[in-house]
Amino acid sequence: MSKLDILLVPHPALKARAKPVAAVDDRVRRLMDDMLETMYDAPGIGLAAPQVGLLERVLVIDVANKDEEPQPLRMANPEILWASEDLATYNEGCLSLPEQYADVTRPAEVKVRYLNENNASKTLHAKDVLATCVQHEIDHLDGILFTDHLSLMKRNMILRKLAKWRKGQTAA
């Protein structure tokens, strides 16, 4: 396994729509493993292939608490089959927008179909933080960032703070 570089806003790959993978083969499995290593190292709870510069519909998630055994989910070609009318608001962040957070409201539950690491079709009924994370990562596959769900004022505030953070990183 190897750690991958995470792209930061405003990289154009983060606004592009990813293409489906034909199948989950050894190459895609290796990508999933590398993405998990990258996500855990960051640290984060989700990572989509466009965030590491690959426009493929692949994502990884692990919402296990720090004191729990890891519970990684590897998904290729995920699609939301159903979303609840009930909504939930979570304070979201993103590895492509370091140290930036905002409340985002999304459906509280979703049902998702995807291919797992063995190329088997699976269905997941997700709720709570897992539902939010799945939707956030699927958004990445469609070129949507969590900031796109915010008002223009909030989005611009976060982008200004990110630019200031980047200047601080360059100076360090």
C-alpha atoms as a PDB file:
ATOM      1  CA  MET A   1       0.000   0.000   0.000  1.00  0.00           C
ATOM      2  CA  SER A   2       1.092   3.562  -0.502  1.00  0.00           C
ATOM      3  CA  LYS A   3      -0.068   6.950   0.616  1.00  0.00           C
ATOM      4  CA  LEU A   4      -1.504   9.215  -2.081  1.00  0.00           C
ATOM      5  CA  ASP A   5      -1.462  13.011  -2.375  1.00  0.00           C
ATOM      6  CA  ILE A   6      -4.774  14.672  -1.543  1.00  0.00           C
ATOM      7  CA  LEU A   7      -5.769  17.482  -3.902  1.00  0.00           C
ATOM      8  CA  LEU A   8      -6.844  20.782  -2.389  1.00  0.00           C
ATOM      9  CA  VAL A   9      -9.485  23.248  -3.561  1.00  0.00           C
ATOM     10  CA  PRO A  10      -9.412  24.823  -6.168  1.00  0.00           C
ATOM     11  CA  HIS A  11      -7.929  21.873  -8.124  1.00  0.00           C
ATOM     12  CA  PRO A  12     -10.137  21.306 -11.237  1.00  0.00           C
ATOM     13  CA  ALA A  13     -10.399  17.528 -10.667  1.00  0.00           C
ATOM     14  CA  LEU A  14     -12.478  18.284  -7.565  1.00  0.00           C
ATOM     15  CA  LYS A  15     -15.195  19.855  -9.728  1.00  0.00           C
ATOM     16  CA  ALA A  16     -15.231  17.131 -12.423  1.00  0.00           C
ATOM     17  CA  ARG A  17     -17.634  14.191 -12.691  1.00  0.00           C
ATOM     18  CA  ALA A  18     -15.963  10.796 -12.202  1.00  0.00           C
ATOM     19  CA  LYS A  19     -16.524   7.879 -14.584  1.00  0.00           C
ATOM     20  CA  PRO A  20     -17.727   4.409 -13.476  1.00  0.00           C
ATOM     21  CA  VAL A  21     -15.172   1.614 -13.210  1.00  0.00           C
ATOM     22  CA  ALA A  22     -15.804  -1.417 -15.452  1.00  0.00           C
ATOM     23  CA  ALA A  23     -15.176  -3.823 -12.556  1.00  0.00           C
ATOM     24  CA  VAL A  24     -13.393  -4.006  -9.241  1.00  0.00           C
ATOM     25  CA  ASP A  25     -10.185  -5.748 -10.272  1.00  0.00           C
ATOM     26  CA  ASP A  26      -6.736  -5.880  -8.654  1.00  0.00           C
ATOM     27  CA  ARG A  27      -5.936  -2.320  -9.757  1.00  0.00           C
ATOM     28  CA  VAL A  28      -9.136  -0.900  -8.213  1.00  0.00           C
ATOM     29  CA  ARG A  29      -8.631  -2.976  -5.036  1.00  0.00           C
ATOM     30  CA  ARG A  30      -5.093  -1.562  -4.728  1.00  0.00           C
ATOM     31  CA  LEU A  31      -6.504   1.948  -5.252  1.00  0.00           C
ATOM     32  CA  MET A  32      -9.080   1.335  -2.498  1.00  0.00           C
ATOM     33  CA  ASP A  33      -6.350   0.118  -0.117  1.00  0.00           C
ATOM     34  CA  ASP A  34      -4.114   3.102  -0.942  1.00  0.00           C
ATOM     35  CA  MET A  35      -7.053   5.458  -0.420  1.00  0.00           C
ATOM     36  CA  LEU A  36      -7.803   3.896   2.983  1.00  0.00           C
ATOM     37  CA  GLU A  37      -4.167   4.298   4.038  1.00  0.00           C
ATOM     38  CA  THR A  38      -4.248   7.929   2.876  1.00  0.00           C
ATOM     39  CA  MET A  39      -7.561   8.603   4.651  1.00  0.00           C
ATOM     40  CA  TYR A  40      -6.418   7.061   7.947  1.00  0.00           C
ATOM     41  CA  ASP A  41      -3.139   8.989   7.794  1.00  0.00           C
ATOM     42  CA  ALA A  42      -4.844  12.350   7.104  1.00  0.00           C
ATOM     43  CA  PRO A  43      -6.892  11.575   9.368  1.00  0.00           C
ATOM     44  CA  GLY A  44     -10.391  11.483   7.899  1.00  0.00           C
ATOM     45  CA  ILE A  45     -13.522   9.329   7.712  1.00  0.00           C
ATOM     46  CA  GLY A  46     -14.036   9.349   3.939  1.00  0.00           C
ATOM     47  CA  LEU A  47     -12.105   9.822   0.709  1.00  0.00           C
ATOM     48  CA  ALA A  48     -13.185   9.773  -2.943  1.00  0.00           C
ATOM     49  CA  ALA A  49     -10.923   8.994  -5.915  1.00  0.00           C
ATOM     50  CA  PRO A  50     -11.201  12.512  -7.416  1.00  0.00           C
ATOM     51  CA  GLN A  51      -9.580  13.820  -4.212  1.00  0.00           C
ATOM     52  CA  VAL A  52      -6.442  11.878  -5.136  1.00  0.00           C
ATOM     53  CA  GLY A  53      -6.593  12.935  -8.785  1.00  0.00           C
ATOM     54  CA  LEU A  54      -8.414   9.935 -10.300  1.00  0.00           C
ATOM     55  CA  LEU A  55     -11.746  10.607 -11.978  1.00  0.00           C
ATOM     56  CA  GLU A  56     -13.172   7.184 -11.140  1.00  0.00           C
ATOM     57  CA  ARG A  57     -16.314   6.390  -9.111  1.00  0.00           C
ATOM     58  CA  VAL A  58     -14.452   4.864  -6.157  1.00  0.00           C
ATOM     59  CA  LEU A  59     -14.649   5.872  -2.503  1.00  0.00           C
ATOM     60  CA  VAL A  60     -13.688   4.619   0.934  1.00  0.00           C
ATOM     61  CA  ILE A  61     -15.250   5.321   4.320  1.00  0.00           C
ATOM     62  CA  ASP A  62     -14.666   4.369   7.928  1.00  0.00           C
ATOM     63  CA  VAL A  63     -16.811   6.068  10.570  1.00  0.00           C
ATOM     64  CA  ALA A  64     -15.708   3.795  13.449  1.00  0.00           C
ATOM     65  CA  ASN A  65     -14.814   5.664  16.622  1.00  0.00           C
ATOM     66  CA  LYS A  66     -11.155   5.853  17.640  1.00  0.00           C
ATOM     67  CA  ASP A  67     -11.712   3.261  20.398  1.00  0.00           C
ATOM     68  CA  GLU A  68     -13.403   0.802  17.991  1.00  0.00           C
ATOM     69  CA  GLU A  69     -11.969  -1.705  15.542  1.00  0.00           C
ATOM     70  CA  PRO A  70     -11.720  -0.165  12.035  1.00  0.00           C
ATOM     71  CA  GLN A  71     -14.779  -0.822   9.844  1.00  0.00           C
ATOM     72  CA  PRO A  72     -13.668   0.223   6.353  1.00  0.00           C
ATOM     73  CA  LEU A  73     -16.171   0.396   3.524  1.00  0.00           C
ATOM     74  CA  ARG A  74     -14.848   0.203  -0.032  1.00  0.00           C
ATOM     75  CA  MET A  75     -17.312   1.272  -2.729  1.00  0.00           C
ATOM     76  CA  ALA A  76     -17.150   1.416  -6.504  1.00  0.00           C
ATOM     77  CA  ASN A  77     -19.895   2.942  -8.641  1.00  0.00           C
ATOM     78  CA  PRO A  78     -22.106   3.839  -5.648  1.00  0.00           C
ATOM     79  CA  GLU A  79     -25.587   5.106  -6.385  1.00  0.00           C
ATOM     80  CA  ILE A  80     -28.244   6.369  -4.015  1.00  0.00           C
ATOM     81  CA  LEU A  81     -31.421   4.331  -4.511  1.00  0.00           C
ATOM     82  CA  TRP A  82     -33.482   6.058  -1.821  1.00  0.00           C
ATOM     83  CA  ALA A  83     -33.149   9.033   0.505  1.00  0.00           C
ATOM     84  CA  SER A  84     -35.352   9.770   3.508  1.00  0.00           C
ATOM     85  CA  GLU A  85     -37.510  12.868   3.729  1.00  0.00           C
ATOM     86  CA  ASP A  86     -36.193  13.350   7.266  1.00  0.00           C
ATOM     87  CA  LEU A  87     -33.126  15.555   7.338  1.00  0.00           C
ATOM     88  CA  ALA A  88     -30.066  15.659   9.586  1.00  0.00           C
ATOM     89  CA  THR A  89     -27.471  18.383  10.021  1.00  0.00           C
ATOM     90  CA  TYR A  90     -23.821  17.557  10.672  1.00  0.00           C
ATOM     91  CA  ASN A  91     -20.746  19.716  10.939  1.00  0.00           C
ATOM     92  CA  GLU A  92     -18.836  18.578   7.857  1.00  0.00           C
ATOM     93  CA  GLY A  93     -15.207  18.954   6.922  1.00  0.00           C
ATOM     94  CA  CYS A  94     -13.219  17.740   3.952  1.00  0.00           C
ATOM     95  CA  LEU A  95      -9.652  16.575   3.409  1.00  0.00           C
ATOM     96  CA  SER A  96      -9.558  18.781   0.286  1.00  0.00           C
ATOM     97  CA  LEU A  97     -10.478  21.841   2.387  1.00  0.00           C
ATOM     98  CA  PRO A  98      -8.218  21.380   5.442  1.00  0.00           C
ATOM     99  CA  GLU A  99      -9.399  22.782   8.763  1.00  0.00           C
ATOM    100  CA  GLN A 100     -12.647  24.141   7.253  1.00  0.00           C
ATOM    101  CA  TYR A 101     -16.014  23.063   8.670  1.00  0.00           C
ATOM    102  CA  ALA A 102     -19.679  23.995   8.278  1.00  0.00           C
ATOM    103  CA  ASP A 103     -23.107  22.615   9.101  1.00  0.00           C
ATOM    104  CA  VAL A 104     -24.658  20.824   6.116  1.00  0.00           C
ATOM    105  CA  THR A 105     -28.206  19.442   6.039  1.00  0.00           C
ATOM    106  CA  ARG A 106     -28.797  16.226   4.091  1.00  0.00           C
ATOM    107  CA  PRO A 107     -31.259  13.309   4.141  1.00  0.00           C
ATOM    108  CA  ALA A 108     -30.932  11.478   7.480  1.00  0.00           C
ATOM    109  CA  GLU A 109     -30.939   8.033   5.823  1.00  0.00           C
ATOM    110  CA  VAL A 110     -30.013   6.677   2.407  1.00  0.00           C
ATOM    111  CA  LYS A 111     -30.006   3.324   0.666  1.00  0.00           C
ATOM    112  CA  VAL A 112     -26.980   2.862  -1.603  1.00  0.00           C
ATOM    113  CA  ARG A 113     -26.070   0.184  -4.144  1.00  0.00           C
ATOM    114  CA  TYR A 114     -22.375  -0.316  -4.944  1.00  0.00           C
ATOM    115  CA  LEU A 115     -19.695  -2.831  -5.875  1.00  0.00           C
ATOM    116  CA  ASN A 116     -17.507  -3.942  -2.972  1.00  0.00           C
ATOM    117  CA  GLU A 117     -13.804  -4.843  -3.100  1.00  0.00           C
ATOM    118  CA  ASN A 118     -14.730  -8.319  -4.412  1.00  0.00           C
ATOM    119  CA  ASN A 119     -16.772  -6.870  -7.308  1.00  0.00           C
ATOM    120  CA  ALA A 120     -19.991  -8.056  -5.627  1.00  0.00           C
ATOM    121  CA  SER A 121     -23.093  -5.871  -5.794  1.00  0.00           C
ATOM    122  CA  LYS A 122     -24.116  -4.752  -2.294  1.00  0.00           C
ATOM    123  CA  THR A 123     -26.835  -2.576  -0.805  1.00  0.00           C
ATOM    124  CA  LEU A 124     -26.273  -0.462   2.298  1.00  0.00           C
ATOM    125  CA  HIS A 125     -28.921   1.250   4.405  1.00  0.00           C
ATOM    126  CA  ALA A 126     -27.016   4.078   6.074  1.00  0.00           C
ATOM    127  CA  LYS A 127     -28.141   6.494   8.759  1.00  0.00           C
ATOM    128  CA  ASP A 128     -26.619   9.072  11.081  1.00  0.00           C
ATOM    129  CA  VAL A 129     -23.002  10.034  10.372  1.00  0.00           C
ATOM    130  CA  LEU A 130     -22.558   7.126   7.920  1.00  0.00           C
ATOM    131  CA  ALA A 131     -25.427   8.464   5.763  1.00  0.00           C
ATOM    132  CA  THR A 132     -23.864  11.924   5.796  1.00  0.00           C
ATOM    133  CA  CYS A 133     -20.420  10.572   4.929  1.00  0.00           C
ATOM    134  CA  VAL A 134     -21.734   8.401   2.066  1.00  0.00           C
ATOM    135  CA  GLN A 135     -23.593  11.376   0.577  1.00  0.00           C
ATOM    136  CA  HIS A 136     -20.561  13.658   1.014  1.00  0.00           C
ATOM    137  CA  GLU A 137     -18.262  11.200  -0.792  1.00  0.00           C
ATOM    138  CA  ILE A 138     -20.773  10.476  -3.585  1.00  0.00           C
ATOM    139  CA  ASP A 139     -21.013  14.251  -4.058  1.00  0.00           C
ATOM    140  CA  HIS A 140     -17.233  14.242  -4.700  1.00  0.00           C
ATOM    141  CA  LEU A 141     -17.797  11.723  -7.511  1.00  0.00           C
ATOM    142  CA  ASP A 142     -20.178  14.245  -9.088  1.00  0.00           C
ATOM    143  CA  GLY A 143     -17.844  17.226  -8.673  1.00  0.00           C
ATOM    144  CA  ILE A 144     -19.773  18.645  -5.716  1.00  0.00           C
ATOM    145  CA  LEU A 145     -18.064  19.907  -2.552  1.00  0.00           C
ATOM    146  CA  PHE A 146     -19.741  20.320   0.837  1.00  0.00           C
ATOM    147  CA  THR A 147     -19.312  24.076   0.394  1.00  0.00           C
ATOM    148  CA  ASP A 148     -21.656  23.895  -2.622  1.00  0.00           C
ATOM    149  CA  HIS A 149     -24.467  23.158  -0.130  1.00  0.00           C
ATOM    150  CA  LEU A 150     -23.816  26.428   1.717  1.00  0.00           C
ATOM    151  CA  SER A 151     -24.958  29.978   1.122  1.00  0.00           C
ATOM    152  CA  LEU A 152     -22.682  32.069  -1.086  1.00  0.00           C
ATOM    153  CA  MET A 153     -21.630  34.111   1.946  1.00  0.00           C
ATOM    154  CA  LYS A 154     -20.630  31.041   4.004  1.00  0.00           C
ATOM    155  CA  ARG A 155     -18.883  29.438   1.024  1.00  0.00           C
ATOM    156  CA  ASN A 156     -16.843  32.588   0.326  1.00  0.00           C
ATOM    157  CA  MET A 157     -15.918  32.863   4.008  1.00  0.00           C
ATOM    158  CA  ILE A 158     -14.583  29.297   4.013  1.00  0.00           C
ATOM    159  CA  LEU A 159     -12.665  29.838   0.757  1.00  0.00           C
ATOM    160  CA  ARG A 160     -11.036  32.993   2.208  1.00  0.00           C
ATOM    161  CA  LYS A 161     -10.075  31.089   5.374  1.00  0.00           C
ATOM    162  CA  LEU A 162      -8.660  28.263   3.235  1.00  0.00           C
ATOM    163  CA  ALA A 163      -6.567  30.740   1.206  1.00  0.00           C
ATOM    164  CA  LYS A 164      -5.229  32.206   4.460  1.00  0.00           C
ATOM    165  CA  TRP A 165      -4.454  28.681   5.758  1.00  0.00           C
ATOM    166  CA  ARG A 166      -2.580  27.843   2.527  1.00  0.00           C
ATOM    167  CA  LYS A 167      -0.458  31.001   2.838  1.00  0.00           C
ATOM    168  CA  GLY A 168       0.403  29.962   6.390  1.00  0.00           C
ATOM    169  CA  GLN A 169       1.425  26.479   5.153  1.00  0.00           C
ATOM    170  CA  THR A 170       3.628  27.997   2.429  1.00  0.00           C
ATOM    171  CA  ALA A 171       5.326  30.319   4.892  1.00  0.00           C
ATOM    172  CA  ALA A 172       6.037  27.492   7.370  1.00  0.00           C
END
